[in-house]
């Protein structure tokens, strides 16, 4: 399962890729921008309803993100550090 920190990085990167501000995305997801900021900072996860709204607004599959299959989503994640095997 994805960590709060990696989820936050993903949401922030995806939002920027889509050219949307925190305030704009927060309005689409029906939350305060401070809540969205907490998600992006890795302080907490969104609830299920908010996660579904995020996936629609940012065009990603929830299952792929939760399982950290970020390579399945067309955004560059060169800033993330992945463990070496």
N, C-alpha and C. Protein backbone atom coordinates (compact mmCIF):
# COMPACT_ATOMS: atom_id res chain seq x y z
N UNK A 1 0.84 -1.19 0.00
CA UNK A 1 0.00 0.00 0.00
C UNK A 1 0.88 1.24 0.00
N UNK A 2 0.42 2.26 -0.67
CA UNK A 2 1.18 3.50 -0.79
C UNK A 2 1.22 4.24 0.56
N UNK A 3 2.33 4.87 0.84
CA UNK A 3 2.45 5.66 2.06
C UNK A 3 1.76 7.01 1.88
N UNK A 4 1.45 7.66 2.99
CA UNK A 4 0.83 8.99 2.93
C UNK A 4 1.74 9.96 2.20
N UNK A 5 3.04 9.84 2.44
CA UNK A 5 4.00 10.75 1.83
C UNK A 5 4.04 10.59 0.31
N UNK A 6 4.12 9.34 -0.15
CA UNK A 6 4.15 9.10 -1.60
C UNK A 6 2.83 9.47 -2.26
N UNK A 7 1.73 9.21 -1.56
CA UNK A 7 0.44 9.61 -2.10
C UNK A 7 0.38 11.13 -2.25
N UNK A 8 0.85 11.84 -1.24
CA UNK A 8 0.87 13.30 -1.29
C UNK A 8 1.72 13.82 -2.44
N UNK A 9 2.89 13.23 -2.63
CA UNK A 9 3.75 13.63 -3.74
C UNK A 9 3.07 13.37 -5.07
N UNK A 10 2.40 12.22 -5.16
CA UNK A 10 1.69 11.87 -6.39
C UNK A 10 0.59 12.89 -6.69
N UNK A 11 -0.22 13.21 -5.71
CA UNK A 11 -1.33 14.14 -5.91
C UNK A 11 -0.80 15.52 -6.31
N UNK A 12 0.23 15.99 -5.62
CA UNK A 12 0.81 17.29 -5.96
C UNK A 12 1.37 17.33 -7.37
N UNK A 13 2.09 16.27 -7.74
CA UNK A 13 2.68 16.20 -9.09
C UNK A 13 1.59 16.13 -10.15
N UNK A 14 0.59 15.31 -9.89
CA UNK A 14 -0.50 15.14 -10.84
C UNK A 14 -1.28 16.44 -11.02
N UNK A 15 -1.52 17.13 -9.91
CA UNK A 15 -2.23 18.42 -9.95
C UNK A 15 -1.47 19.43 -10.79
N UNK A 16 -0.18 19.52 -10.57
CA UNK A 16 0.66 20.45 -11.34
C UNK A 16 0.69 20.06 -12.81
N UNK A 17 0.78 18.77 -13.09
CA UNK A 17 0.78 18.27 -14.47
C UNK A 17 -0.50 18.69 -15.18
N UNK A 18 -1.62 18.66 -14.47
CA UNK A 18 -2.91 19.05 -15.04
C UNK A 18 -3.09 20.56 -15.08
N UNK A 19 -2.17 21.31 -14.48
CA UNK A 19 -2.25 22.77 -14.50
C UNK A 19 -3.35 23.35 -13.62
N UNK A 20 -3.57 22.70 -12.48
CA UNK A 20 -4.64 23.11 -11.58
C UNK A 20 -4.04 23.58 -10.25
N UNK A 21 -4.56 24.66 -9.72
CA UNK A 21 -4.08 25.15 -8.41
C UNK A 21 -4.71 24.31 -7.30
N UNK A 22 -4.15 24.43 -6.10
CA UNK A 22 -4.74 23.73 -4.95
C UNK A 22 -6.17 24.20 -4.72
N UNK A 23 -6.41 25.49 -4.84
CA UNK A 23 -7.76 26.02 -4.63
C UNK A 23 -8.75 25.46 -5.65
N UNK A 24 -8.33 25.38 -6.91
CA UNK A 24 -9.20 24.85 -7.96
C UNK A 24 -9.52 23.37 -7.73
N UNK A 25 -8.50 22.60 -7.41
CA UNK A 25 -8.71 21.18 -7.17
C UNK A 25 -9.57 20.97 -5.93
N UNK A 26 -9.29 21.71 -4.89
CA UNK A 26 -10.08 21.59 -3.66
C UNK A 26 -11.56 21.85 -3.94
N UNK A 27 -11.85 22.85 -4.76
CA UNK A 27 -13.25 23.15 -5.11
C UNK A 27 -13.88 21.99 -5.89
N UNK A 28 -13.12 21.38 -6.79
CA UNK A 28 -13.64 20.24 -7.56
C UNK A 28 -13.93 19.04 -6.68
N UNK A 29 -13.12 18.88 -5.63
CA UNK A 29 -13.25 17.73 -4.75
C UNK A 29 -14.16 18.05 -3.55
N UNK A 30 -14.59 19.30 -3.46
CA UNK A 30 -15.50 19.75 -2.39
C UNK A 30 -14.86 19.68 -1.00
N UNK A 31 -13.60 20.12 -0.93
CA UNK A 31 -12.90 20.23 0.36
C UNK A 31 -12.23 21.60 0.42
N UNK A 32 -11.81 21.98 1.60
CA UNK A 32 -11.05 23.21 1.79
C UNK A 32 -9.64 23.01 1.23
N UNK A 33 -9.03 24.07 0.72
CA UNK A 33 -7.68 23.93 0.16
C UNK A 33 -6.68 23.51 1.23
N UNK A 34 -6.96 23.81 2.50
CA UNK A 34 -6.06 23.40 3.58
C UNK A 34 -6.08 21.88 3.73
N UNK A 35 -7.23 21.28 3.50
CA UNK A 35 -7.33 19.82 3.54
C UNK A 35 -6.52 19.22 2.40
N UNK A 36 -6.65 19.78 1.22
CA UNK A 36 -5.88 19.30 0.07
C UNK A 36 -4.38 19.45 0.35
N UNK A 37 -4.01 20.54 0.96
CA UNK A 37 -2.60 20.77 1.31
C UNK A 37 -2.10 19.69 2.26
N UNK A 38 -2.93 19.29 3.23
CA UNK A 38 -2.54 18.22 4.16
C UNK A 38 -2.33 16.90 3.42
N UNK A 39 -3.19 16.64 2.43
CA UNK A 39 -3.01 15.41 1.64
C UNK A 39 -1.69 15.46 0.89
N UNK A 40 -1.42 16.62 0.24
CA UNK A 40 -0.18 16.75 -0.54
C UNK A 40 1.06 16.71 0.34
N UNK A 41 0.95 17.18 1.58
CA UNK A 41 2.09 17.16 2.50
C UNK A 41 2.29 15.80 3.16
N UNK A 42 1.38 14.88 2.89
CA UNK A 42 1.51 13.54 3.46
C UNK A 42 1.07 13.45 4.91
N UNK A 43 0.28 14.41 5.37
CA UNK A 43 -0.19 14.39 6.76
C UNK A 43 -1.31 13.38 6.96
N UNK A 44 -2.11 13.18 5.93
CA UNK A 44 -3.24 12.25 6.04
C UNK A 44 -3.73 11.84 4.65
N UNK A 45 -4.57 10.81 4.64
CA UNK A 45 -5.20 10.35 3.41
C UNK A 45 -6.60 10.96 3.29
N UNK A 46 -7.09 11.12 2.07
CA UNK A 46 -8.49 11.52 1.92
C UNK A 46 -9.42 10.35 2.24
N UNK A 47 -10.67 10.67 2.55
CA UNK A 47 -11.65 9.60 2.73
C UNK A 47 -12.00 9.01 1.36
N UNK A 48 -12.77 7.95 1.36
CA UNK A 48 -13.09 7.24 0.12
C UNK A 48 -13.80 8.13 -0.89
N UNK A 49 -14.77 8.91 -0.45
CA UNK A 49 -15.50 9.79 -1.37
C UNK A 49 -14.57 10.82 -2.00
N UNK A 50 -13.69 11.40 -1.19
CA UNK A 50 -12.74 12.39 -1.70
C UNK A 50 -11.74 11.74 -2.64
N UNK A 51 -11.33 10.51 -2.32
CA UNK A 51 -10.39 9.79 -3.18
C UNK A 51 -11.01 9.56 -4.56
N UNK A 52 -12.29 9.21 -4.58
CA UNK A 52 -12.97 9.00 -5.85
C UNK A 52 -13.04 10.31 -6.64
N UNK A 53 -13.35 11.41 -5.97
CA UNK A 53 -13.40 12.72 -6.64
C UNK A 53 -12.02 13.11 -7.17
N UNK A 54 -10.98 12.85 -6.39
CA UNK A 54 -9.60 13.13 -6.82
C UNK A 54 -9.26 12.33 -8.07
N UNK A 55 -9.62 11.06 -8.07
CA UNK A 55 -9.28 10.21 -9.21
C UNK A 55 -9.96 10.71 -10.48
N UNK A 56 -11.17 11.20 -10.36
CA UNK A 56 -11.87 11.73 -11.53
C UNK A 56 -11.27 13.07 -11.96
N UNK A 57 -10.99 13.93 -11.01
CA UNK A 57 -10.45 15.26 -11.33
C UNK A 57 -9.04 15.19 -11.91
N UNK A 58 -8.24 14.23 -11.42
CA UNK A 58 -6.85 14.13 -11.86
C UNK A 58 -6.60 12.97 -12.81
N UNK A 59 -7.66 12.25 -13.15
CA UNK A 59 -7.59 11.19 -14.15
C UNK A 59 -6.57 10.10 -13.80
N UNK A 60 -6.84 9.40 -12.69
CA UNK A 60 -6.01 8.25 -12.33
C UNK A 60 -6.88 7.15 -11.76
N UNK A 61 -6.36 5.93 -11.78
CA UNK A 61 -7.05 4.78 -11.24
C UNK A 61 -6.66 4.60 -9.77
N UNK A 62 -7.64 4.59 -8.90
CA UNK A 62 -7.38 4.49 -7.46
C UNK A 62 -6.58 3.23 -7.13
N UNK A 63 -6.94 2.12 -7.72
CA UNK A 63 -6.25 0.85 -7.43
C UNK A 63 -4.77 0.93 -7.77
N UNK A 64 -4.45 1.53 -8.92
CA UNK A 64 -3.04 1.67 -9.30
C UNK A 64 -2.27 2.49 -8.29
N UNK A 65 -2.86 3.57 -7.81
CA UNK A 65 -2.17 4.45 -6.86
C UNK A 65 -2.01 3.76 -5.51
N UNK A 66 -3.08 3.16 -5.02
CA UNK A 66 -3.00 2.49 -3.72
C UNK A 66 -1.94 1.39 -3.73
N UNK A 67 -1.84 0.69 -4.85
CA UNK A 67 -0.85 -0.39 -4.96
C UNK A 67 0.50 0.09 -5.46
N UNK A 68 0.66 1.40 -5.55
CA UNK A 68 1.90 2.05 -5.98
C UNK A 68 2.35 1.63 -7.37
N UNK A 69 1.40 1.38 -8.23
CA UNK A 69 1.74 1.10 -9.63
C UNK A 69 1.75 2.44 -10.37
N UNK A 70 2.60 3.33 -9.90
CA UNK A 70 2.64 4.68 -10.45
C UNK A 70 3.17 4.70 -11.87
N UNK A 71 3.89 3.65 -12.27
CA UNK A 71 4.39 3.58 -13.64
C UNK A 71 3.24 3.40 -14.63
N UNK A 72 2.06 3.01 -14.14
CA UNK A 72 0.90 2.82 -15.00
C UNK A 72 0.24 4.16 -15.35
N UNK A 73 0.68 5.23 -14.68
CA UNK A 73 0.06 6.54 -14.86
C UNK A 73 1.06 7.43 -15.57
N UNK A 74 0.59 8.17 -16.58
CA UNK A 74 1.49 8.92 -17.46
C UNK A 74 1.94 10.26 -16.90
N UNK A 75 2.76 10.21 -15.85
CA UNK A 75 3.38 11.41 -15.29
C UNK A 75 4.79 11.00 -14.87
N UNK A 76 5.72 11.90 -14.99
CA UNK A 76 7.09 11.61 -14.60
C UNK A 76 7.23 11.67 -13.09
N UNK A 77 7.84 10.65 -12.51
CA UNK A 77 8.05 10.60 -11.07
C UNK A 77 9.54 10.52 -10.76
N UNK A 78 10.34 11.26 -11.47
CA UNK A 78 11.78 11.20 -11.27
C UNK A 78 12.19 11.73 -9.90
N UNK A 79 11.32 12.51 -9.24
CA UNK A 79 11.65 13.06 -7.93
C UNK A 79 11.43 12.06 -6.80
N UNK A 80 10.74 10.94 -7.06
CA UNK A 80 10.49 9.94 -6.04
C UNK A 80 11.67 8.98 -5.94
N UNK A 81 12.01 8.61 -4.74
CA UNK A 81 13.08 7.65 -4.53
C UNK A 81 12.46 6.28 -4.32
N UNK A 82 12.78 5.37 -5.18
CA UNK A 82 12.25 4.02 -5.07
C UNK A 82 13.32 3.11 -4.50
N UNK A 83 12.92 2.14 -3.69
CA UNK A 83 13.92 1.23 -3.11
C UNK A 83 14.55 0.36 -4.19
N UNK A 84 15.83 0.09 -4.01
CA UNK A 84 16.51 -0.80 -4.95
C UNK A 84 16.34 -2.24 -4.47
N UNK A 85 16.22 -3.11 -5.44
CA UNK A 85 16.00 -4.53 -5.11
C UNK A 85 17.29 -5.29 -5.26
